[in-house]
Amino acid sequence: MVGSDQFGDMLIEDLKKEGVDISHLIQTGGKSGLVFAAINPAGERILYSSAGVSSEFDRSIIPVDYIKEARFLHLTSIIGEKAIAALEFASGVAYDNNIKVILDPGTILAEKGVDALRGILRNCHIIMPSQVEANMLTGLKGEEAGSKLLEYGPKAVIITLGEEGCLLITKDLTRDVPAL
């Protein structure tokens, strides 16, 4: 969902250029949601966000039949009161139709904590938090955070580590994967 502003228009144009199917993208009156990322002097990422029209996102606008035709469903942060319920619904539709669900929680969802995301996590095949997000979700770091997240349903956890690569954790395997 994007707004009828220059950012919405720019996003639609970029998606078209990349060959992305935008047939179910909704452009509505108002401003597009924006996130500005900055790095503070300590090297930490700080996010400033404005929900814009994305705060109106709810399960009533989720294209169920389109999800059922997918091979993968990639979910990420959405700002709004109904966001978690909408993501839980979409992930449930995918899971019930044997579609792999990948969750990149972002700070917005990670701040809500793992208990708030249980319904989504149980439908996930993979969760891909950053190290900071994994810590927010579990209170743990590294392999311990990944192992804890596996308890909620995902088959694999990929903790992104920036220029260091990522840490892949499954019930049978833990592997450091260097950045390319």
Protein backbone atom coordinates (compact mmCIF):
# COMPACT_ATOMS: atom_id res chain seq x y z
CA MET A 1 0.00 0.00 0.00
CA VAL A 2 1.47 3.31 -1.07
CA GLY A 3 0.19 6.84 -1.10
CA SER A 4 -0.69 9.04 -4.04
CA ASP A 5 2.47 11.09 -3.68
CA GLN A 6 5.88 11.29 -5.33
CA PHE A 7 7.26 8.47 -3.14
CA GLY A 8 4.38 6.15 -4.03
CA ASP A 9 4.78 6.97 -7.71
CA MET A 10 8.55 6.42 -7.50
CA LEU A 11 8.13 3.05 -5.78
CA ILE A 12 5.60 1.87 -8.34
CA GLU A 13 7.85 2.94 -11.20
CA ASP A 14 10.90 1.19 -9.68
CA LEU A 15 8.94 -2.02 -9.08
CA LYS A 16 7.72 -2.00 -12.68
CA LYS A 17 11.29 -1.49 -13.96
CA GLU A 18 12.37 -4.56 -11.96
CA GLY A 19 9.57 -6.67 -13.42
CA VAL A 20 7.66 -7.01 -10.15
CA ASP A 21 3.97 -7.87 -10.46
CA ILE A 22 2.20 -4.89 -8.92
CA SER A 23 -1.32 -5.98 -9.86
CA HIS A 24 -2.27 -6.17 -6.17
CA LEU A 25 -0.41 -3.08 -5.00
CA ILE A 26 -2.85 -0.51 -3.66
CA GLN A 27 -2.25 3.19 -4.25
CA THR A 28 -4.54 5.31 -2.14
CA GLY A 29 -4.94 8.96 -1.23
CA GLY A 30 -2.52 10.25 1.36
CA LYS A 31 1.20 10.03 1.97
CA SER A 32 3.33 6.92 1.56
CA GLY A 33 4.94 5.48 4.64
CA LEU A 34 8.61 6.34 4.97
CA VAL A 35 11.53 5.15 7.03
CA PHE A 36 14.73 7.15 7.32
CA ALA A 37 17.76 5.26 8.62
CA ALA A 38 20.69 7.08 10.22
CA ILE A 39 23.86 5.86 11.89
CA ASN A 40 24.68 7.50 15.22
CA PRO A 41 28.27 8.19 16.42
CA ALA A 42 28.33 4.78 18.16
CA GLY A 43 27.68 3.08 14.81
CA GLU A 44 24.12 2.08 15.74
CA ARG A 45 21.31 2.30 13.22
CA ILE A 46 18.51 4.65 14.22
CA LEU A 47 15.20 4.54 12.35
CA TYR A 48 12.77 7.41 12.03
CA SER A 49 9.44 6.41 10.54
CA SER A 50 6.15 7.80 9.42
CA ALA A 51 3.38 5.27 8.81
CA GLY A 52 1.52 7.22 6.17
CA VAL A 53 -1.22 5.21 4.47
CA SER A 54 0.40 1.92 5.51
CA SER A 55 -1.20 2.44 8.94
CA GLU A 56 -4.50 1.60 7.21
CA PHE A 57 -3.26 -1.87 6.20
CA ASP A 58 -5.45 -4.66 7.56
CA ARG A 59 -6.45 -8.19 6.67
CA SER A 60 -9.45 -7.09 4.58
CA ILE A 61 -7.18 -5.98 1.74
CA ILE A 62 -4.96 -9.07 1.65
CA PRO A 63 -5.29 -10.83 -1.74
CA VAL A 64 -5.88 -14.38 -0.48
CA ASP A 65 -6.16 -16.00 -3.93
CA TYR A 66 -2.91 -14.34 -5.02
CA ILE A 67 -1.09 -15.65 -1.94
CA LYS A 68 -2.38 -19.15 -2.66
CA GLU A 69 -0.66 -19.04 -6.08
CA ALA A 70 2.73 -18.03 -4.65
CA ARG A 71 5.75 -20.20 -3.89
CA PHE A 72 7.04 -17.87 -1.16
CA LEU A 73 5.57 -15.11 0.97
CA HIS A 74 8.06 -12.58 2.32
CA LEU A 75 6.76 -10.48 5.22
CA THR A 76 8.35 -7.46 6.84
CA SER A 77 7.48 -4.64 9.24
CA ILE A 78 4.30 -2.69 8.80
CA ILE A 79 3.29 0.17 11.08
CA GLY A 80 -0.28 0.21 12.35
CA GLU A 81 -2.62 -1.15 14.97
CA LYS A 82 -3.86 -3.96 12.74
CA ALA A 83 -0.48 -4.88 11.26
CA ILE A 84 0.31 -7.97 13.35
CA ALA A 85 -3.19 -9.42 12.85
CA ALA A 86 -2.89 -8.82 9.10
CA LEU A 87 0.55 -10.45 8.91
CA GLU A 88 -0.66 -13.38 11.02
CA PHE A 89 -3.62 -13.84 8.68
CA ALA A 90 -1.47 -13.66 5.52
CA SER A 91 1.12 -16.06 6.96
CA GLY A 92 -1.66 -18.46 7.95
CA VAL A 93 -3.10 -18.46 4.42
CA ALA A 94 0.35 -19.22 3.04
CA TYR A 95 1.14 -21.90 5.62
CA ASP A 96 -2.21 -23.64 5.08
CA ASN A 97 -1.42 -23.78 1.36
CA ASN A 98 2.13 -25.14 1.75
CA ILE A 99 3.73 -21.83 0.80
CA LYS A 100 7.03 -21.00 2.47
CA VAL A 101 6.81 -17.93 4.69
CA ILE A 102 9.87 -15.76 5.32
CA LEU A 103 9.73 -13.08 8.01
CA ASP A 104 12.15 -10.16 8.11
CA PRO A 105 10.79 -8.54 11.28
CA GLY A 106 12.66 -5.26 11.19
CA THR A 107 12.89 -3.14 14.29
CA ILE A 108 9.21 -2.20 14.21
CA LEU A 109 8.02 -5.78 14.73
CA ALA A 110 10.99 -6.89 16.82
CA GLU A 111 10.24 -4.17 19.38
CA LYS A 112 6.84 -5.79 19.95
CA GLY A 113 8.57 -8.92 21.29
CA VAL A 114 8.33 -12.58 20.46
CA ASP A 115 5.05 -13.11 22.33
CA ALA A 116 3.27 -10.61 20.08
CA LEU A 117 4.61 -12.44 17.00
CA ARG A 118 3.81 -16.03 18.04
CA GLY A 119 1.00 -16.38 15.49
CA ILE A 120 3.27 -15.29 12.66
CA LEU A 121 6.29 -17.29 13.83
CA ARG A 122 4.37 -20.56 13.98
CA ASN A 123 3.62 -20.12 10.25
CA CYS A 124 7.19 -19.21 9.27
CA HIS A 125 9.67 -21.36 7.46
CA ILE A 126 12.48 -18.81 7.90
CA ILE A 127 12.92 -15.77 10.13
CA MET A 128 15.66 -13.29 9.19
CA PRO A 129 16.29 -10.80 12.00
CA SER A 130 19.38 -8.68 12.38
CA GLN A 131 21.47 -9.38 15.48
CA VAL A 132 19.85 -6.38 17.20
CA GLU A 133 16.35 -7.61 16.28
CA ALA A 134 17.10 -11.17 17.44
CA ASN A 135 18.22 -9.71 20.77
CA MET A 136 15.04 -7.58 20.99
CA LEU A 137 12.90 -10.64 20.33
CA THR A 138 14.60 -13.07 22.70
CA GLY A 139 16.88 -11.16 25.07
CA LEU A 140 19.66 -13.42 23.78
CA LYS A 141 22.45 -13.11 21.20
CA GLY A 142 23.89 -15.19 18.39
CA GLU A 143 23.26 -18.92 18.37
CA GLU A 144 21.26 -18.77 21.62
CA ALA A 145 18.86 -16.23 20.08
CA GLY A 146 18.49 -18.36 16.96
CA SER A 147 17.84 -21.52 18.95
CA LYS A 148 15.20 -19.72 21.00
CA LEU A 149 13.44 -18.46 17.85
CA LEU A 150 13.34 -22.02 16.46
CA GLU A 151 11.16 -22.96 19.45
CA TYR A 152 8.36 -20.77 18.05
CA GLY A 153 8.03 -22.64 14.75
CA PRO A 154 10.50 -21.53 12.08
CA LYS A 155 12.63 -24.26 10.49
CA ALA A 156 15.57 -21.91 10.05
CA VAL A 157 16.83 -18.66 11.54
CA ILE A 158 19.17 -16.42 9.57
CA ILE A 159 20.63 -13.71 11.80
CA THR A 160 22.10 -11.00 9.61
CA LEU A 161 25.41 -9.55 10.78
CA GLY A 162 26.03 -6.78 8.27
CA GLU A 163 29.47 -6.88 6.68
CA GLU A 164 30.28 -9.99 8.75
CA GLY A 165 27.69 -12.04 6.84
CA CYS A 166 25.06 -14.02 8.69
CA LEU A 167 24.52 -16.86 11.13
CA LEU A 168 22.33 -19.75 9.92
CA ILE A 169 20.70 -21.86 12.62
CA THR A 170 18.48 -24.92 12.19
CA LYS A 171 17.77 -27.73 14.64
CA ASP A 172 20.63 -29.74 13.08
CA LEU A 173 23.07 -27.06 11.99
CA THR A 174 24.72 -23.81 12.97
CA ARG A 175 26.90 -22.13 10.38
CA ASP A 176 28.60 -18.77 9.98
CA VAL A 177 28.16 -17.58 6.40
CA PRO A 178 30.60 -14.85 5.35
CA ALA A 179 29.40 -11.80 3.46
CA LEU A 180 30.01 -11.77 -0.28
